[in-house]
Amino acid sequence: MALKHVRVTALLIAATPLAAAMALLPTTPAGAADGDLGCQASLNLTLTPPLQAGGSATVSISGDLTNCTSSNGQHSDLTAGKLAGTGTASATSMILFPCGISVDGNGSGTVTWASGSTSDISWQLSMPTFSANVTGGQLSGDTVGASIQNAQPNPGCETSGLSTLAVQAQVTFS
């Protein structure tokens, strides 16, 4: 049981950043302020081929940003958005991590806000560190942070590889 708990925790640490990075990219031109926006994120990642130790994969990310609030009031028009992105990932064997792998990757994506504006995002993952930045559009210049609430890999990923990952997270743009 303890090993399973460690793997689930490691999966959240490893996979959430990847999903969050691609899915949670904010919006605003030039130099956004601290606390620009917070949203709930529901993301789905697909890895092709399924990622296994020693392998690499193309990552497709899609998802929704909902219940967005602007703590500084500067982005109250950004209430919800849809994320779409792509990237690449590679894996090394790490028995204690979910699916038995440690993931490194990078990519980019776009959030299309309900208001019609967009935010371009760039992300990097080198387990256990995740980073993302808004590179254009709304919230440009912001850093994206993610607090993973749940991450569910495909069943049997330990033997068949990581092919899908569903992530629920709280995302912040500042």
C-alpha atoms as a PDB file:
ATOM      1  CA  MET A   1       0.000   0.000   0.000  1.00  0.00           C
ATOM      2  CA  ALA A   2       2.779   2.453   0.886  1.00  0.00           C
ATOM      3  CA  LEU A   3       4.442   1.926  -2.508  1.00  0.00           C
ATOM      4  CA  LYS A   4       1.124   2.582  -4.283  1.00  0.00           C
ATOM      5  CA  HIS A   5       0.653   5.814  -2.289  1.00  0.00           C
ATOM      6  CA  VAL A   6       4.178   6.925  -3.216  1.00  0.00           C
ATOM      7  CA  ARG A   7       3.492   6.148  -6.889  1.00  0.00           C
ATOM      8  CA  VAL A   8       0.210   8.066  -6.871  1.00  0.00           C
ATOM      9  CA  THR A   9       1.906  11.035  -5.216  1.00  0.00           C
ATOM     10  CA  ALA A  10       4.775  10.861  -7.681  1.00  0.00           C
ATOM     11  CA  LEU A  11       2.326  10.656 -10.602  1.00  0.00           C
ATOM     12  CA  LEU A  12       0.627  13.788  -9.391  1.00  0.00           C
ATOM     13  CA  ILE A  13       3.983  15.508  -9.106  1.00  0.00           C
ATOM     14  CA  ALA A  14       5.158  14.266 -12.485  1.00  0.00           C
ATOM     15  CA  ALA A  15       2.052  14.357 -14.624  1.00  0.00           C
ATOM     16  CA  THR A  16       0.268  17.319 -13.227  1.00  0.00           C
ATOM     17  CA  PRO A  17       2.965  19.761 -14.176  1.00  0.00           C
ATOM     18  CA  LEU A  18       2.943  18.454 -17.702  1.00  0.00           C
ATOM     19  CA  ALA A  19      -0.806  18.834 -17.941  1.00  0.00           C
ATOM     20  CA  ALA A  20      -0.912  22.059 -16.043  1.00  0.00           C
ATOM     21  CA  ALA A  21       1.882  23.545 -18.025  1.00  0.00           C
ATOM     22  CA  MET A  22       0.182  22.984 -21.325  1.00  0.00           C
ATOM     23  CA  ALA A  23      -3.299  23.616 -20.197  1.00  0.00           C
ATOM     24  CA  LEU A  24      -2.960  26.502 -17.884  1.00  0.00           C
ATOM     25  CA  LEU A  25      -1.468  29.259 -19.854  1.00  0.00           C
ATOM     26  CA  PRO A  26      -2.857  32.688 -19.022  1.00  0.00           C
ATOM     27  CA  THR A  27      -3.513  35.852 -20.965  1.00  0.00           C
ATOM     28  CA  THR A  28      -2.580  39.544 -21.009  1.00  0.00           C
ATOM     29  CA  PRO A  29      -0.200  41.559 -23.009  1.00  0.00           C
ATOM     30  CA  ALA A  30       2.928  43.037 -21.478  1.00  0.00           C
ATOM     31  CA  GLY A  31       3.898  42.654 -17.877  1.00  0.00           C
ATOM     32  CA  ALA A  32       0.965  41.252 -15.997  1.00  0.00           C
ATOM     33  CA  ALA A  33       0.751  41.837 -12.255  1.00  0.00           C
ATOM     34  CA  ASP A  34       0.887  39.361  -9.378  1.00  0.00           C
ATOM     35  CA  GLY A  35      -2.360  37.552  -8.703  1.00  0.00           C
ATOM     36  CA  ASP A  36      -3.789  38.164 -12.149  1.00  0.00           C
ATOM     37  CA  LEU A  37      -6.031  35.112 -12.382  1.00  0.00           C
ATOM     38  CA  GLY A  38      -6.966  31.827 -10.709  1.00  0.00           C
ATOM     39  CA  CYS A  39      -8.945  29.031 -12.410  1.00  0.00           C
ATOM     40  CA  GLN A  40     -10.039  25.435 -11.943  1.00  0.00           C
ATOM     41  CA  ALA A  41      -8.540  23.240 -14.663  1.00  0.00           C
ATOM     42  CA  SER A  42      -9.746  19.941 -16.046  1.00  0.00           C
ATOM     43  CA  LEU A  43      -7.136  18.582 -18.461  1.00  0.00           C
ATOM     44  CA  ASN A  44      -6.746  15.503 -20.617  1.00  0.00           C
ATOM     45  CA  LEU A  45      -3.362  14.408 -21.932  1.00  0.00           C
ATOM     46  CA  THR A  46      -2.802  11.817 -24.623  1.00  0.00           C
ATOM     47  CA  LEU A  47       0.685  10.383 -25.193  1.00  0.00           C
ATOM     48  CA  THR A  48       1.511   8.688 -28.502  1.00  0.00           C
ATOM     49  CA  PRO A  49       2.963   6.105 -28.425  1.00  0.00           C
ATOM     50  CA  PRO A  50       2.308   5.230 -24.765  1.00  0.00           C
ATOM     51  CA  LEU A  51       5.289   6.495 -22.766  1.00  0.00           C
ATOM     52  CA  GLN A  52       7.560   3.877 -21.204  1.00  0.00           C
ATOM     53  CA  ALA A  53      11.035   4.004 -19.663  1.00  0.00           C
ATOM     54  CA  GLY A  54      13.626   4.742 -22.333  1.00  0.00           C
ATOM     55  CA  GLY A  55      10.989   5.969 -24.756  1.00  0.00           C
ATOM     56  CA  SER A  56       9.580   9.212 -26.044  1.00  0.00           C
ATOM     57  CA  ALA A  57       6.114  10.378 -27.009  1.00  0.00           C
ATOM     58  CA  THR A  58       4.150  13.198 -28.553  1.00  0.00           C
ATOM     59  CA  VAL A  59       1.823  14.837 -26.035  1.00  0.00           C
ATOM     60  CA  SER A  60      -1.573  16.336 -26.906  1.00  0.00           C
ATOM     61  CA  ILE A  61      -3.324  18.370 -24.221  1.00  0.00           C
ATOM     62  CA  SER A  62      -6.885  19.600 -24.149  1.00  0.00           C
ATOM     63  CA  GLY A  63      -9.037  20.893 -21.367  1.00  0.00           C
ATOM     64  CA  ASP A  64     -11.157  23.527 -19.746  1.00  0.00           C
ATOM     65  CA  LEU A  65     -10.383  26.398 -17.404  1.00  0.00           C
ATOM     66  CA  THR A  66     -13.466  27.298 -15.379  1.00  0.00           C
ATOM     67  CA  ASN A  67     -14.531  29.437 -12.430  1.00  0.00           C
ATOM     68  CA  CYS A  68     -11.745  31.915 -13.174  1.00  0.00           C
ATOM     69  CA  THR A  69     -11.432  34.906 -10.865  1.00  0.00           C
ATOM     70  CA  SER A  70      -9.135  37.907 -11.047  1.00  0.00           C
ATOM     71  CA  SER A  71      -7.953  38.757  -7.537  1.00  0.00           C
ATOM     72  CA  ASN A  72      -6.583  42.125  -8.672  1.00  0.00           C
ATOM     73  CA  GLY A  73      -9.688  42.900 -10.781  1.00  0.00           C
ATOM     74  CA  GLN A  74      -7.667  43.524 -13.944  1.00  0.00           C
ATOM     75  CA  HIS A  75      -8.881  40.428 -15.793  1.00  0.00           C
ATOM     76  CA  SER A  76     -12.502  40.014 -14.733  1.00  0.00           C
ATOM     77  CA  ASP A  77     -13.407  39.341 -18.388  1.00  0.00           C
ATOM     78  CA  LEU A  78     -11.436  36.062 -18.287  1.00  0.00           C
ATOM     79  CA  THR A  79     -13.987  33.767 -16.646  1.00  0.00           C
ATOM     80  CA  ALA A  80     -13.404  30.533 -18.587  1.00  0.00           C
ATOM     81  CA  GLY A  81     -11.325  29.159 -21.425  1.00  0.00           C
ATOM     82  CA  LYS A  82     -10.324  26.123 -23.456  1.00  0.00           C
ATOM     83  CA  LEU A  83      -6.758  24.885 -23.621  1.00  0.00           C
ATOM     84  CA  ALA A  84      -5.154  23.052 -26.527  1.00  0.00           C
ATOM     85  CA  GLY A  85      -1.492  22.217 -26.852  1.00  0.00           C
ATOM     86  CA  THR A  86       1.204  19.812 -27.923  1.00  0.00           C
ATOM     87  CA  GLY A  87       4.650  18.806 -26.815  1.00  0.00           C
ATOM     88  CA  THR A  88       7.126  15.995 -26.480  1.00  0.00           C
ATOM     89  CA  ALA A  89       8.076  13.861 -23.509  1.00  0.00           C
ATOM     90  CA  SER A  90      10.664  11.242 -22.663  1.00  0.00           C
ATOM     91  CA  ALA A  91      10.874   8.880 -19.715  1.00  0.00           C
ATOM     92  CA  THR A  92      13.441   7.124 -17.593  1.00  0.00           C
ATOM     93  CA  SER A  93      12.813   4.243 -15.234  1.00  0.00           C
ATOM     94  CA  MET A  94      11.833   5.343 -11.727  1.00  0.00           C
ATOM     95  CA  ILE A  95      10.160   2.494  -9.831  1.00  0.00           C
ATOM     96  CA  LEU A  96       8.664   4.720  -7.124  1.00  0.00           C
ATOM     97  CA  PHE A  97       6.940   7.082  -9.556  1.00  0.00           C
ATOM     98  CA  PRO A  98       3.520   6.399 -11.066  1.00  0.00           C
ATOM     99  CA  CYS A  99       3.676   4.053 -14.021  1.00  0.00           C
ATOM    100  CA  GLY A 100       7.295   3.365 -13.012  1.00  0.00           C
ATOM    101  CA  ILE A 101       8.677   6.336 -14.971  1.00  0.00           C
ATOM    102  CA  SER A 102      10.115   9.809 -14.467  1.00  0.00           C
ATOM    103  CA  VAL A 103       8.998  12.206 -17.203  1.00  0.00           C
ATOM    104  CA  ASP A 104      10.798  15.147 -18.848  1.00  0.00           C
ATOM    105  CA  GLY A 105       9.108  17.234 -21.510  1.00  0.00           C
ATOM    106  CA  ASN A 106       8.286  20.574 -23.051  1.00  0.00           C
ATOM    107  CA  GLY A 107       5.751  22.126 -25.333  1.00  0.00           C
ATOM    108  CA  SER A 108       3.368  24.948 -26.019  1.00  0.00           C
ATOM    109  CA  GLY A 109      -0.317  25.647 -26.154  1.00  0.00           C
ATOM    110  CA  THR A 110      -3.033  28.256 -26.405  1.00  0.00           C
ATOM    111  CA  VAL A 111      -5.873  29.156 -24.085  1.00  0.00           C
ATOM    112  CA  THR A 112      -8.872  30.537 -25.963  1.00  0.00           C
ATOM    113  CA  TRP A 113     -10.858  32.535 -23.428  1.00  0.00           C
ATOM    114  CA  ALA A 114     -14.660  32.787 -23.509  1.00  0.00           C
ATOM    115  CA  SER A 115     -14.192  36.524 -24.154  1.00  0.00           C
ATOM    116  CA  GLY A 116     -12.521  35.681 -27.490  1.00  0.00           C
ATOM    117  CA  SER A 117      -8.977  36.639 -26.466  1.00  0.00           C
ATOM    118  CA  THR A 118      -6.121  34.125 -26.345  1.00  0.00           C
ATOM    119  CA  SER A 119      -3.032  33.356 -24.274  1.00  0.00           C
ATOM    120  CA  ASP A 120      -0.005  31.523 -25.682  1.00  0.00           C
ATOM    121  CA  ILE A 121       1.894  29.309 -23.250  1.00  0.00           C
ATOM    122  CA  SER A 122       5.263  27.591 -23.121  1.00  0.00           C
ATOM    123  CA  TRP A 123       5.990  24.801 -20.583  1.00  0.00           C
ATOM    124  CA  GLN A 124       8.875  22.647 -19.384  1.00  0.00           C
ATOM    125  CA  LEU A 125       8.935  19.616 -17.097  1.00  0.00           C
ATOM    126  CA  SER A 126      12.000  18.019 -15.583  1.00  0.00           C
ATOM    127  CA  MET A 127      10.738  15.868 -12.727  1.00  0.00           C
ATOM    128  CA  PRO A 128       9.855  16.983 -10.216  1.00  0.00           C
ATOM    129  CA  THR A 129      10.102  20.593 -11.438  1.00  0.00           C
ATOM    130  CA  PHE A 130       7.471  22.166 -13.659  1.00  0.00           C
ATOM    131  CA  SER A 131       7.497  25.669 -15.116  1.00  0.00           C
ATOM    132  CA  ALA A 132       5.270  27.529 -17.563  1.00  0.00           C
ATOM    133  CA  ASN A 133       5.069  31.048 -18.925  1.00  0.00           C
ATOM    134  CA  VAL A 134       2.548  33.046 -20.901  1.00  0.00           C
ATOM    135  CA  THR A 135       4.474  34.085 -24.003  1.00  0.00           C
ATOM    136  CA  GLY A 136       1.820  36.067 -25.864  1.00  0.00           C
ATOM    137  CA  GLY A 137      -1.707  37.417 -25.780  1.00  0.00           C
ATOM    138  CA  GLN A 138      -3.675  37.966 -22.587  1.00  0.00           C
ATOM    139  CA  LEU A 139      -1.534  37.690 -19.429  1.00  0.00           C
ATOM    140  CA  SER A 140       1.669  37.811 -21.475  1.00  0.00           C
ATOM    141  CA  GLY A 141       4.666  37.755 -19.149  1.00  0.00           C
ATOM    142  CA  ASP A 142       2.837  35.851 -16.412  1.00  0.00           C
ATOM    143  CA  THR A 143       4.168  32.708 -14.781  1.00  0.00           C
ATOM    144  CA  VAL A 144       1.722  29.810 -14.515  1.00  0.00           C
ATOM    145  CA  GLY A 145       1.473  27.868 -11.266  1.00  0.00           C
ATOM    146  CA  ALA A 146      -0.505  24.697 -10.679  1.00  0.00           C
ATOM    147  CA  SER A 147      -1.712  22.879  -7.600  1.00  0.00           C
ATOM    148  CA  ILE A 148      -2.761  19.363  -8.625  1.00  0.00           C
ATOM    149  CA  GLN A 149      -5.875  18.052  -6.972  1.00  0.00           C
ATOM    150  CA  ASN A 150      -6.133  14.733  -8.803  1.00  0.00           C
ATOM    151  CA  ALA A 151      -4.315  12.910 -11.614  1.00  0.00           C
ATOM    152  CA  GLN A 152      -5.541   9.634 -13.102  1.00  0.00           C
ATOM    153  CA  PRO A 153      -3.312   7.703 -15.525  1.00  0.00           C
ATOM    154  CA  ASN A 154      -4.660   4.986 -17.778  1.00  0.00           C
ATOM    155  CA  PRO A 155      -5.127   1.636 -15.994  1.00  0.00           C
ATOM    156  CA  GLY A 156      -2.209  -0.751 -16.498  1.00  0.00           C
ATOM    157  CA  CYS A 157       0.283   2.007 -17.313  1.00  0.00           C
ATOM    158  CA  GLU A 158       2.987   0.125 -15.389  1.00  0.00           C
ATOM    159  CA  THR A 159       3.044  -2.517 -18.128  1.00  0.00           C
ATOM    160  CA  SER A 160       1.504  -0.872 -21.203  1.00  0.00           C
ATOM    161  CA  GLY A 161       2.914   2.647 -20.781  1.00  0.00           C
ATOM    162  CA  LEU A 162       1.353   6.008 -19.995  1.00  0.00           C
ATOM    163  CA  SER A 163      -1.142   6.738 -22.787  1.00  0.00           C
ATOM    164  CA  THR A 164      -3.672   9.029 -21.093  1.00  0.00           C
ATOM    165  CA  LEU A 165      -3.751  11.230 -18.043  1.00  0.00           C
ATOM    166  CA  ALA A 166      -6.727  13.126 -16.636  1.00  0.00           C
ATOM    167  CA  VAL A 167      -5.770  16.012 -14.335  1.00  0.00           C
ATOM    168  CA  GLN A 168      -7.790  18.283 -12.042  1.00  0.00           C
ATOM    169  CA  ALA A 169      -5.881  21.321 -10.763  1.00  0.00           C
ATOM    170  CA  GLN A 170      -6.081  24.857  -9.449  1.00  0.00           C
ATOM    171  CA  VAL A 171      -4.126  27.126 -11.783  1.00  0.00           C
ATOM    172  CA  THR A 172      -2.769  30.599 -11.096  1.00  0.00           C
ATOM    173  CA  PHE A 173      -1.399  33.249 -13.420  1.00  0.00           C
ATOM    174  CA  SER A 174       0.842  35.849 -11.826  1.00  0.00           C
END
